[in-house]
Protein backbone atom coordinates (compact mmCIF):
# COMPACT_ATOMS: atom_id res chain seq x y z
CA MET A 1 -15.53 11.58 1.70
CA THR A 2 -15.56 9.54 -1.49
CA LEU A 3 -17.30 6.20 -1.88
CA ARG A 4 -13.90 4.54 -2.27
CA GLN A 5 -12.73 5.93 1.07
CA LYS A 6 -15.93 4.74 2.70
CA PHE A 7 -15.32 1.24 1.36
CA VAL A 8 -11.76 1.21 2.73
CA ILE A 9 -12.90 2.43 6.16
CA ALA A 10 -15.73 -0.10 6.20
CA PHE A 11 -13.35 -2.98 5.37
CA ALA A 12 -10.87 -1.81 8.02
CA VAL A 13 -13.56 -1.41 10.69
CA VAL A 14 -15.01 -4.85 9.98
CA ALA A 15 -11.54 -6.42 10.10
CA ALA A 16 -10.72 -4.59 13.35
CA VAL A 17 -13.97 -5.72 14.98
CA VAL A 18 -13.46 -9.34 13.87
CA ALA A 19 -9.83 -9.34 15.03
CA GLY A 20 -10.84 -7.79 18.35
CA ILE A 21 -13.55 -10.39 18.92
CA ILE A 22 -11.22 -13.26 18.02
CA GLY A 23 -8.47 -11.83 20.26
CA ALA A 24 -10.84 -11.36 23.19
CA VAL A 25 -12.18 -14.90 22.83
CA ALA A 26 -8.64 -16.32 22.57
CA TYR A 27 -7.46 -14.33 25.61
CA SER A 28 -10.48 -15.35 27.68
CA THR A 29 -10.18 -18.98 26.65
CA THR A 30 -6.45 -19.09 27.44
CA ASP A 31 -6.95 -17.38 30.81
CA HIS A 32 -9.68 -19.86 31.72
CA ALA A 33 -7.57 -22.82 30.59
CA LEU A 34 -4.53 -21.62 32.57
CA ARG A 35 -6.57 -21.17 35.73
CA ASN A 36 -8.06 -24.64 35.35
CA GLU A 37 -4.60 -26.11 34.77
CA ILE A 38 -3.24 -24.36 37.89
CA ASN A 39 -6.16 -25.55 40.00
CA VAL A 40 -5.72 -29.14 38.79
CA SER A 41 -1.94 -28.96 39.39
CA LEU A 42 -2.37 -27.58 42.91
CA THR A 43 -4.94 -30.24 43.76
CA SER A 44 -2.63 -32.97 42.50
CA ALA A 45 0.37 -31.53 44.34
CA VAL A 46 -1.51 -31.22 47.65
CA GLY A 47 -2.70 -34.81 47.33
CA THR A 48 0.88 -35.97 46.72
CA LEU A 49 2.16 -34.13 49.77
CA ALA A 50 -0.68 -35.42 51.94
CA GLU A 51 0.45 -38.95 51.02
CA GLY A 52 4.07 -38.13 51.96
CA GLY A 53 5.48 -37.37 48.51
CA SER A 54 7.47 -34.32 47.31
CA LEU A 55 7.22 -31.82 44.44
CA ALA A 56 9.44 -31.61 41.37
CA PRO A 57 9.93 -28.51 39.17
CA ILE A 58 7.38 -28.38 36.30
CA SER A 59 7.90 -26.69 32.93
CA VAL A 60 5.20 -24.69 31.18
CA GLY A 61 4.54 -27.63 28.93
CA GLY A 62 4.02 -29.84 31.97
CA THR A 63 7.40 -31.65 31.70
CA PRO A 64 9.24 -32.21 35.01
CA GLY A 65 12.49 -30.26 35.17
CA ALA A 66 15.59 -30.00 37.32
CA ALA A 67 15.49 -28.69 40.85
CA GLY A 68 17.86 -25.74 40.63
CA SER A 69 16.60 -22.29 41.52
CA GLY A 70 17.87 -18.77 41.86
CA GLY A 71 18.17 -16.73 44.95
CA ASP A 72 14.84 -15.04 44.44
CA GLY A 73 12.98 -18.32 44.52
CA ARG A 74 12.84 -18.67 40.68
CA ARG A 75 14.59 -21.20 38.49
CA SER A 76 17.76 -19.91 36.87
CA ASP A 77 17.73 -22.30 33.90
CA GLY A 78 14.96 -20.57 31.92
CA PRO A 79 11.70 -18.69 32.14
CA ASP A 80 9.58 -21.69 31.12
CA VAL A 81 9.64 -23.33 34.57
CA ILE A 82 6.52 -23.02 36.65
CA VAL A 83 7.45 -22.04 40.19
CA GLU A 84 5.83 -24.10 42.93
CA THR A 85 6.59 -24.33 46.64
CA ALA A 86 5.24 -26.54 49.41
CA GLN A 87 5.18 -26.25 53.20
CA SER A 88 3.52 -27.90 56.16
CA ILE A 89 1.65 -26.14 58.93
CA SER A 90 1.61 -27.53 62.46
CA VAL A 91 -1.32 -27.31 64.81
CA ALA A 92 0.41 -24.37 66.46
CA GLY A 93 0.67 -22.58 63.11
CA THR A 94 4.40 -23.08 62.46
CA ALA A 95 5.35 -23.34 58.75
CA THR A 96 8.01 -25.84 57.59
CA HIS A 97 9.35 -25.83 54.00
CA LEU A 98 8.87 -29.20 52.33
CA SER A 99 9.87 -28.92 48.66
CA GLY A 100 9.98 -26.68 45.66
CA VAL A 101 11.46 -23.17 45.69
CA ASP A 102 12.53 -21.83 49.07
CA VAL A 103 9.73 -19.36 49.70
CA THR A 104 7.78 -18.95 52.93
CA LEU A 105 4.11 -18.54 52.16
CA PRO A 106 1.99 -16.35 54.43
CA ILE A 107 -0.61 -18.34 56.37
CA SER A 108 -4.17 -17.03 56.27
CA ARG A 109 -6.66 -17.34 59.12
CA GLN A 110 -8.60 -20.00 57.22
CA ALA A 111 -5.42 -22.06 56.71
CA LEU A 112 -4.60 -21.84 60.45
CA ASP A 113 -8.09 -23.05 61.30
CA LEU A 114 -7.62 -26.08 59.02
CA ALA A 115 -4.24 -26.89 60.64
CA ALA A 116 -5.59 -26.49 64.16
CA GLY A 117 -7.98 -29.34 63.67
CA SER A 118 -10.31 -30.24 60.83
CA THR A 119 -11.55 -33.14 58.79
CA ALA A 120 -8.84 -34.72 56.70
CA GLY A 121 -9.00 -33.56 53.09
CA ALA A 122 -10.72 -30.23 53.80
CA ARG A 123 -9.26 -27.52 51.57
CA VAL A 124 -9.10 -23.74 51.27
CA ILE A 125 -7.56 -21.62 48.51
CA ASP A 126 -5.96 -18.19 48.95
CA GLN A 127 -4.04 -15.68 46.86
CA VAL A 128 -1.03 -14.08 48.55
CA SER A 129 1.92 -11.85 47.60
CA VAL A 130 5.55 -12.79 48.36
CA ASN A 131 8.49 -10.56 47.39
CA GLY A 132 6.43 -8.87 44.69
CA SER A 133 5.18 -12.16 43.23
CA THR A 134 1.62 -13.38 43.41
CA TYR A 135 1.00 -16.96 44.53
CA LEU A 136 -2.16 -19.04 44.40
CA VAL A 137 -2.07 -21.21 47.58
CA LEU A 138 -4.08 -24.37 48.22
CA THR A 139 -4.20 -25.64 51.84
CA GLN A 140 -5.40 -29.16 52.75
CA SER A 141 -6.02 -30.49 56.27
CA LEU A 142 -4.29 -33.73 57.28
CA GLY A 143 -6.94 -34.35 59.95
CA GLY A 144 -6.86 -34.35 63.73
CA THR A 145 -3.63 -32.93 65.17
CA LYS A 146 -1.53 -33.63 62.10
CA GLY A 147 -1.81 -30.06 60.84
CA ALA A 148 -2.04 -29.20 57.12
CA VAL A 149 0.02 -28.95 53.97
CA GLN A 150 0.16 -26.01 51.55
CA VAL A 151 1.16 -25.78 47.90
CA GLY A 152 1.66 -22.39 46.24
CA ARG A 153 1.92 -21.66 42.50
CA ASP A 154 3.56 -18.50 41.23
CA LEU A 155 1.01 -16.76 38.94
CA ASP A 156 3.56 -14.49 37.25
CA GLU A 157 4.30 -17.10 34.59
CA ALA A 158 0.60 -17.31 33.68
CA ALA A 159 0.43 -13.52 33.61
CA ARG A 160 3.46 -13.45 31.31
CA ILE A 161 1.82 -15.94 28.97
CA LEU A 162 -1.33 -13.82 28.87
CA ARG A 163 0.70 -10.65 28.25
CA ASN A 164 2.52 -12.32 25.39
CA LEU A 165 -0.79 -13.55 24.01
CA ALA A 166 -2.26 -10.05 24.23
CA LEU A 167 0.81 -8.59 22.48
CA VAL A 168 0.72 -11.20 19.72
CA THR A 169 -3.04 -10.70 19.29
CA ALA A 170 -2.57 -6.93 19.04
CA LEU A 171 0.20 -7.31 16.46
CA VAL A 172 -1.83 -9.83 14.45
CA GLY A 173 -4.88 -7.57 14.69
CA LEU A 174 -2.82 -4.61 13.44
CA GLY A 175 -1.52 -6.73 10.58
CA VAL A 176 -5.04 -7.88 9.73
CA LEU A 177 -6.20 -4.27 9.86
CA LEU A 178 -3.50 -3.16 7.42
CA VAL A 179 -4.16 -6.09 5.09
CA ALA A 180 -7.91 -5.44 5.23
CA ALA A 181 -7.37 -1.74 4.48
CA GLY A 182 -5.18 -2.64 1.49
CA ALA A 183 -7.63 -5.26 0.25
CA GLY A 184 -10.47 -2.83 0.83
CA TRP A 185 -8.71 -0.15 -1.20
CA TRP A 186 -8.07 -2.62 -4.03
CA LEU A 187 -11.63 -3.94 -4.03
CA ALA A 188 -13.10 -0.46 -3.66
CA ARG A 189 -11.01 0.71 -6.60
CA ARG A 190 -12.31 -2.15 -8.75
CA ILE A 191 -15.90 -1.68 -7.57
CA THR A 192 -16.01 2.10 -7.91
CA ARG A 193 -13.93 2.42 -11.08
CA ARG A 194 -16.95 2.24 -13.37
CA LEU A 195 -19.00 4.37 -10.97
CA THR A 196 -16.29 7.03 -11.12
CA VAL A 197 -16.45 6.97 -14.92
CA LEU A 198 -20.26 7.21 -14.83
CA THR A 199 -20.04 10.11 -12.38
CA GLY A 200 -17.68 11.98 -14.71
CA MET A 201 -20.03 11.41 -17.64
CA ALA A 202 -23.03 12.58 -15.62
CA GLU A 203 -21.12 15.72 -14.60
CA ILE A 204 -20.37 16.44 -18.25
CA VAL A 205 -24.09 16.21 -19.02
CA SER A 206 -25.10 18.38 -16.05
CA ARG A 207 -22.42 21.03 -16.51
CA HIS A 208 -22.26 21.34 -20.27
CA GLY A 209 -25.62 19.93 -21.35
CA GLN A 210 -23.99 17.45 -23.74
CA LEU A 211 -26.47 14.65 -24.35
CA GLU A 212 -24.31 12.71 -26.81
CA VAL A 213 -22.41 10.93 -24.01
CA ASP A 214 -22.29 7.12 -24.29
CA PHE A 215 -23.06 5.69 -20.84
CA LEU A 216 -23.09 2.03 -21.89
CA MET A 217 -20.68 -0.18 -19.95
CA PRO A 218 -20.12 -3.95 -19.98
CA GLY A 219 -21.55 -6.11 -17.23
CA LYS A 220 -24.93 -7.28 -16.00
CA ASP A 221 -24.48 -6.19 -12.40
CA GLU A 222 -26.02 -3.10 -10.78
CA VAL A 223 -23.41 -0.80 -12.36
CA GLY A 224 -24.09 -2.25 -15.81
CA ARG A 225 -27.83 -1.81 -15.31
CA LEU A 226 -27.28 1.73 -14.04
CA SER A 227 -25.20 2.60 -17.11
CA ALA A 228 -27.89 1.15 -19.39
CA SER A 229 -30.58 3.16 -17.58
CA LEU A 230 -28.52 6.35 -17.80
CA HIS A 231 -27.87 5.72 -21.49
CA SER A 232 -31.58 5.22 -22.12
CA MET A 233 -32.48 8.27 -20.04
CA VAL A 234 -30.02 10.53 -21.85
CA GLY A 235 -31.25 9.17 -25.18
CA GLN A 236 -34.82 10.01 -24.24
CA LEU A 237 -33.73 13.48 -23.07
CA SER A 238 -31.95 14.02 -26.35
CA SER A 239 -35.02 12.92 -28.32
CA SER A 240 -37.25 15.10 -26.17
CA GLN A 241 -34.94 18.07 -26.66
CA GLN A 242 -34.94 17.60 -30.41
CA ALA A 243 -38.73 17.20 -30.41
CA GLN A 244 -39.10 20.40 -28.39
CA GLN A 245 -36.84 22.26 -30.77
CA ARG A 246 -38.84 21.01 -33.75
CA LEU A 247 -42.07 21.93 -31.94
CA VAL A 248 -40.85 25.46 -31.27
CA GLN A 249 -39.63 25.90 -34.84
CA ASN A 250 -42.83 24.53 -36.35
CA ALA A 251 -44.99 26.47 -33.92
CA GLY A 252 -43.16 29.68 -34.80
CA HIS A 253 -43.75 28.97 -38.47
CA GLU A 254 -47.45 28.22 -37.98
CA LEU A 255 -48.02 31.21 -35.71
CA ARG A 256 -46.61 33.64 -38.25
CA THR A 257 -49.50 33.15 -40.67
CA PRO A 258 -52.41 34.07 -38.33
CA LEU A 259 -50.34 36.80 -36.69
CA THR A 260 -49.49 38.31 -40.08
CA SER A 261 -53.15 38.19 -41.05
CA LEU A 262 -54.16 39.81 -37.75
CA ARG A 263 -51.61 42.59 -38.20
CA THR A 264 -52.99 43.21 -41.69
CA ASN A 265 -56.53 43.32 -40.37
CA VAL A 266 -55.49 45.67 -37.55
CA SER A 267 -54.01 48.07 -40.08
CA VAL A 268 -57.27 47.89 -42.02
CA LEU A 269 -59.24 48.51 -38.81
CA ARG A 270 -57.54 51.88 -38.55
CA ARG A 271 -59.65 52.86 -41.58
CA PHE A 272 -62.77 51.13 -40.22
CA ASP A 273 -64.95 54.26 -40.73
CA GLU A 274 -64.02 54.36 -44.40
CA LEU A 275 -65.22 50.81 -45.09
CA SER A 276 -68.63 49.84 -46.37
CA PRO A 277 -70.92 47.82 -44.07
CA VAL A 278 -70.24 44.66 -46.09
CA SER A 279 -66.45 45.17 -45.89
CA ARG A 280 -66.72 45.88 -42.18
CA GLN A 281 -68.59 42.65 -41.55
CA ARG A 282 -66.17 40.67 -43.70
CA LEU A 283 -63.25 42.21 -41.82
CA LEU A 284 -64.75 41.40 -38.41
CA ASP A 285 -65.52 37.84 -39.48
CA ASP A 286 -61.97 37.47 -40.72
CA VAL A 287 -60.53 38.79 -37.41
CA GLU A 288 -62.83 36.50 -35.44
CA GLY A 289 -61.86 33.47 -37.54
CA GLU A 290 -58.14 34.19 -37.28
CA THR A 291 -58.46 34.73 -33.51
CA ARG A 292 -60.31 31.45 -33.15
CA GLU A 293 -57.71 29.59 -35.22
CA LEU A 294 -54.93 31.20 -33.20
CA THR A 295 -56.63 30.20 -29.94
CA ASN A 296 -57.07 26.61 -31.10
CA LEU A 297 -53.45 26.47 -32.22
CA VAL A 298 -52.18 27.81 -28.89
CA ASN A 299 -54.38 25.36 -26.95
CA GLU A 300 -53.10 22.41 -28.97
CA LEU A 301 -49.52 23.59 -28.58
CA ILE A 302 -49.98 23.80 -24.80
CA GLU A 303 -51.49 20.33 -24.71
CA LEU A 304 -48.62 18.91 -26.74
CA ALA A 305 -46.03 20.73 -24.65
CA ILE A 306 -47.25 19.66 -21.19
CA ASN A 307 -48.54 16.27 -22.40
CA ARG A 308 -51.42 16.16 -19.90
CA ARG A 309 -52.67 12.84 -21.28
CA ASP A 310 -49.74 11.04 -19.66
CA VAL A 311 -50.75 12.10 -16.15
CA GLU A 312 -54.40 11.15 -16.59
CA THR A 313 -55.44 8.14 -14.54
CA VAL A 314 -55.94 4.89 -16.44
CA GLU A 315 -59.39 3.44 -15.83
CA SER A 316 -62.04 1.25 -17.40
CA VAL A 317 -63.58 3.12 -20.34
CA ASP A 318 -66.80 2.23 -22.14
CA LEU A 319 -65.46 2.97 -25.61
CA SER A 320 -68.84 2.50 -27.28
CA ALA A 321 -70.59 5.00 -25.01
CA LEU A 322 -67.71 7.47 -25.31
CA THR A 323 -67.76 7.30 -29.12
CA ARG A 324 -71.54 7.72 -29.22
CA ARG A 325 -71.35 10.78 -26.99
CA VAL A 326 -68.67 12.41 -29.15
CA ALA A 327 -70.57 11.51 -32.33
CA ALA A 328 -73.78 13.08 -30.97
CA MET A 329 -71.90 16.27 -30.14
CA PHE A 330 -70.49 16.56 -33.67
CA GLU A 331 -73.89 15.78 -35.19
CA HIS A 332 -75.34 18.69 -33.24
CA ARG A 333 -72.53 21.06 -34.22
CA SER A 334 -72.37 20.22 -37.92
CA ASN A 335 -75.92 19.12 -38.69
CA ARG A 336 -74.34 16.07 -40.31
CA THR A 337 -75.07 12.38 -39.71
CA VAL A 338 -72.42 10.45 -37.83
CA THR A 339 -73.10 6.71 -37.85
CA VAL A 340 -71.44 4.56 -35.20
CA PHE A 341 -70.68 0.88 -35.78
CA ASP A 342 -69.65 -0.65 -32.47
CA ASP A 343 -69.40 -3.85 -30.51
CA THR A 344 -72.14 -4.64 -28.03
CA ALA A 345 -69.80 -4.15 -25.09
CA VAL A 346 -66.48 -2.53 -25.95
CA THR A 347 -64.73 -1.74 -22.68
CA VAL A 348 -61.01 -0.97 -22.51
CA LEU A 349 -58.44 0.28 -20.04
CA GLY A 350 -57.42 3.79 -21.00
CA ARG A 351 -57.44 7.52 -20.34
CA PRO A 352 -60.97 8.72 -21.09
CA LYS A 353 -60.21 12.38 -21.84
CA ALA A 354 -57.33 11.49 -24.13
CA LEU A 355 -59.46 8.97 -26.04
CA GLU A 356 -62.27 11.51 -26.31
CA ARG A 357 -59.87 14.08 -27.74
CA ALA A 358 -58.50 11.59 -30.28
CA ILE A 359 -62.00 10.60 -31.46
CA SER A 360 -62.98 14.28 -31.65
CA ASN A 361 -59.96 15.08 -33.79
CA LEU A 362 -60.74 12.19 -36.16
CA LEU A 363 -64.35 13.33 -36.58
CA ASP A 364 -63.35 16.98 -36.96
CA ASN A 365 -60.86 16.00 -39.67
CA ALA A 366 -63.44 13.87 -41.53
CA LEU A 367 -66.20 16.50 -41.42
CA LYS A 368 -63.78 19.20 -42.55
CA PHE A 369 -62.57 17.34 -45.64
CA ASP A 370 -65.84 15.57 -46.55
CA THR A 371 -67.81 18.37 -48.23
CA THR A 372 -70.42 16.06 -49.74
CA GLY A 373 -72.77 16.53 -46.81
CA GLY A 374 -73.18 12.76 -46.49
CA PRO A 375 -72.80 10.70 -43.31
CA VAL A 376 -69.49 10.01 -41.63
CA GLU A 377 -68.98 6.51 -40.28
CA VAL A 378 -67.19 5.49 -37.10
CA GLU A 379 -66.35 1.85 -36.39
CA VAL A 380 -65.36 0.81 -32.87
CA THR A 381 -63.87 -2.57 -32.02
CA THR A 382 -61.90 -3.85 -29.06
CA ASP A 383 -58.55 -2.93 -30.63
CA ARG A 384 -59.20 -0.04 -33.01
CA ILE A 385 -61.29 3.03 -33.85
CA GLU A 386 -61.76 3.94 -37.50
CA VAL A 387 -63.47 6.97 -39.08
CA ARG A 388 -64.56 6.77 -42.72
CA ASP A 389 -65.53 9.76 -44.88
CA ALA A 390 -66.38 10.42 -48.53
CA GLY A 391 -63.94 13.29 -49.01
CA PRO A 392 -61.19 13.66 -51.62
CA GLY A 393 -59.01 10.95 -50.03
CA ILE A 394 -55.32 11.14 -49.23
CA ALA A 395 -52.49 11.35 -51.72
CA ALA A 396 -50.15 8.37 -51.66
CA ASP A 397 -47.16 10.54 -50.75
CA ASP A 398 -49.04 12.01 -47.77
CA LEU A 399 -50.18 8.75 -46.14
CA THR A 400 -47.00 8.46 -44.05
CA LYS A 401 -46.94 12.16 -43.15
CA ILE A 402 -50.42 13.08 -42.00
CA PHE A 403 -49.66 12.16 -38.38
CA ASP A 404 -46.62 14.46 -38.27
CA ARG A 405 -46.93 17.67 -36.33
CA PHE A 406 -47.92 20.70 -38.41
CA PHE A 407 -48.12 18.67 -41.59
CA ARG A 408 -50.79 19.95 -43.97
CA ALA A 409 -51.41 18.53 -47.42
CA ASP A 410 -51.42 20.91 -50.35
CA ALA A 411 -55.19 20.54 -50.68
CA ALA A 412 -55.67 21.50 -47.03
CA ARG A 413 -53.58 24.65 -46.85
CA SER A 414 -56.53 26.86 -47.66
CA MET A 415 -58.66 25.21 -44.95
CA PRO A 416 -58.66 26.15 -41.27
CA GLY A 417 -56.59 24.01 -38.95
CA SER A 418 -53.22 23.81 -37.20
CA GLY A 419 -51.88 20.52 -38.51
CA LEU A 420 -51.79 19.15 -34.96
CA GLY A 421 -55.08 17.25 -34.75
CA LEU A 422 -53.87 13.94 -36.21
CA ALA A 423 -50.51 14.31 -34.43
CA ILE A 424 -52.43 14.30 -31.16
CA VAL A 425 -54.32 11.20 -32.35
CA ALA A 426 -51.01 9.43 -32.95
CA GLU A 427 -49.73 10.38 -29.50
CA VAL A 428 -52.90 9.15 -27.79
CA ALA A 429 -52.63 5.87 -29.72
CA ALA A 430 -48.98 5.47 -28.69
CA ALA A 431 -49.92 6.11 -25.04
CA HIS A 432 -52.39 3.20 -25.31
CA GLY A 433 -49.92 0.81 -26.96
CA GLY A 434 -51.19 1.38 -30.51
CA ALA A 435 -50.54 3.61 -33.51
CA GLY A 436 -52.36 5.78 -36.01
CA PHE A 437 -53.22 4.51 -39.49
CA ALA A 438 -54.60 6.07 -42.67
CA GLU A 439 -55.53 4.86 -46.15
CA SER A 440 -57.63 5.99 -49.07
CA ARG A 441 -60.87 4.15 -49.78
CA SER A 442 -61.30 2.37 -53.10
CA ALA A 443 -64.15 4.59 -54.25
CA ARG A 444 -63.88 7.96 -52.58
CA GLY A 445 -62.77 9.22 -49.18
CA ALA A 446 -60.37 8.02 -46.53
CA ARG A 447 -60.16 5.68 -43.57
CA ILE A 448 -58.27 7.24 -40.66
CA GLY A 449 -58.04 5.93 -37.10
CA PHE A 450 -55.85 4.36 -34.49
CA THR A 451 -55.26 0.98 -32.90
CA LEU A 452 -55.15 0.01 -29.22
CA GLY A 453 -52.55 -2.24 -27.62
CA ALA A 454 -53.27 -5.61 -26.04
CA GLU A 455 -52.81 -4.13 -22.56
CA THR A 456 -56.04 -2.13 -23.00
CA LEU A 457 -58.23 -5.19 -23.54
CA LEU A 458 -60.56 -6.45 -20.82
CA PRO A 459 -61.96 -9.99 -20.51
CA ASP A 460 -65.55 -8.87 -21.00
CA SER A 461 -64.87 -7.19 -24.36
CA ASN A 462 -67.08 -8.62 -27.13
CA PRO A 463 -65.37 -8.92 -30.53
CA HIS A 464 -68.60 -9.37 -32.52
CA PRO A 465 -69.72 -6.17 -34.29
CA ALA A 466 -73.27 -4.92 -34.32
CA VAL A 467 -74.49 -2.03 -36.47
CA THR A 468 -76.61 0.72 -34.85
C-alpha cells in the first residue's frame, strides 16, 4: 500500500468516525427531545381532560389541525398529524371514548387500580399495542369514585421521524465519506508528489549507483529539508567515492616502487651464495628497509581508509603533556634535541591518539629533512601546534601541496616515506575544526603545523607562553 493510499484511507476513516459520532449524537438528542415532547403533551392533555375539556388533532409542528380521521384511527389528510386518543375509565373498569381518534386503549392493572379509587391527580404511564401501532398511555385518577381518564399517543410518527433522521444521517455520512476520500486523495497527491519524486531519485541512486542526481527541491518544510539532506548526503558520497578512487590509484602507484625493488632484491637473493659478505649485508639491509617502508605505507593506508580517528572519543587532552611525551620519544629515537615551547596549562577537547599521531608525523617530517643535527622546536598554544626545523625549507610551489596525499617534493623523492604523513596531519586538524599550515622560515628551515578550532578550547586554557 502506497503512502498516498494510506492518506486517503486515513482521511476517509476520520470523516466516517466524525460523521458517525455526529449522527449518533443527533439521533440520541432527537429521540430524547421527542420523548420529552410526548410526555409533556400527554401530561397537558390529561390535565385538560381532568378539567372537562377535549382533545384536538395536533400536527408534528405542534399546530392544531382538523378532526378528520381514517378508518384505521389515523388522519387521512397527511402523515404530519400526531395521533392522540382519550378515554375515561369508570370505577368498574369500563372504558368510554372521549375524543381524538376512535381507538380503544387496553387498560392495564395499574390503570384499573387508579380508576377503582385513588388520590386525585395520581398518574401511571404504560406502553400498549393497538392494531399493530404502539401507543404511550398516561392514566390520571379523578379521585374517589370518579374513575380516571387516559390519553394515548401513537409512537409510530416519532419512530418515522427517527427513521427519516437515521436515513438522512446515513446519506449525509456517505456523502461526507466520499467528499473526504476525494479531498484526501487530492491532498495526499499534493503532499506525496515531491516524496514520490524523491523516491524515484533515491531508487536511481540505489539501483544504478548514479551519484550525480540533484535532490534539491523548493520549500522549507520537512520534504524540503529531506531533499536538502539527501542532496548533501549524495554529495558527500560522491566526494568520498572520488577520494577513495584517488586513494586507490595513488596507493597503487606508491606500492609499485617498493614492490619492484623487493622483486629485484628477490631475484638477487637467488644468487645469494655468489655475493660477497659486504654485498650480502647491503642486500639484506635494502630488503629490510623496503619491507619497513612497505609496512609503514600499508599501515598509513589502512588508517586513512578506515578513518579510525573519527570514532575515537572526544575528551579533555593535556596538549602540553602530550607534546612533551611525544618529543621525549623522538629525542630517544633520534638522539636529537626537541625543544618544546608551551603554555603553562594548555588543555583542549580532542581525540588524544589522533593528536599524538599528528604531532608524531610533524616531528618525524622535521627530523627527516633537517640534517643539520641541531634542535627541532615545537610550540604549543591553545589554538595551534607548530614545529620548526633548520632544514632546506619548502619551495614556494610546494607550500599548497605538501598536505596532499602521496605528494612528495622533488628533493624528498630519494628519502624514505610514503607521502601520507602530512596528509594525516591535515585530516586530524580538520577533525578538530582547524587546518594544516606550512611556510618557509626567513633564514633556513620550515614552519609546519596545524591549528585547532574554537570548539576545542576550554575555559582554563592559559594563552600566555612560557619557554621550557
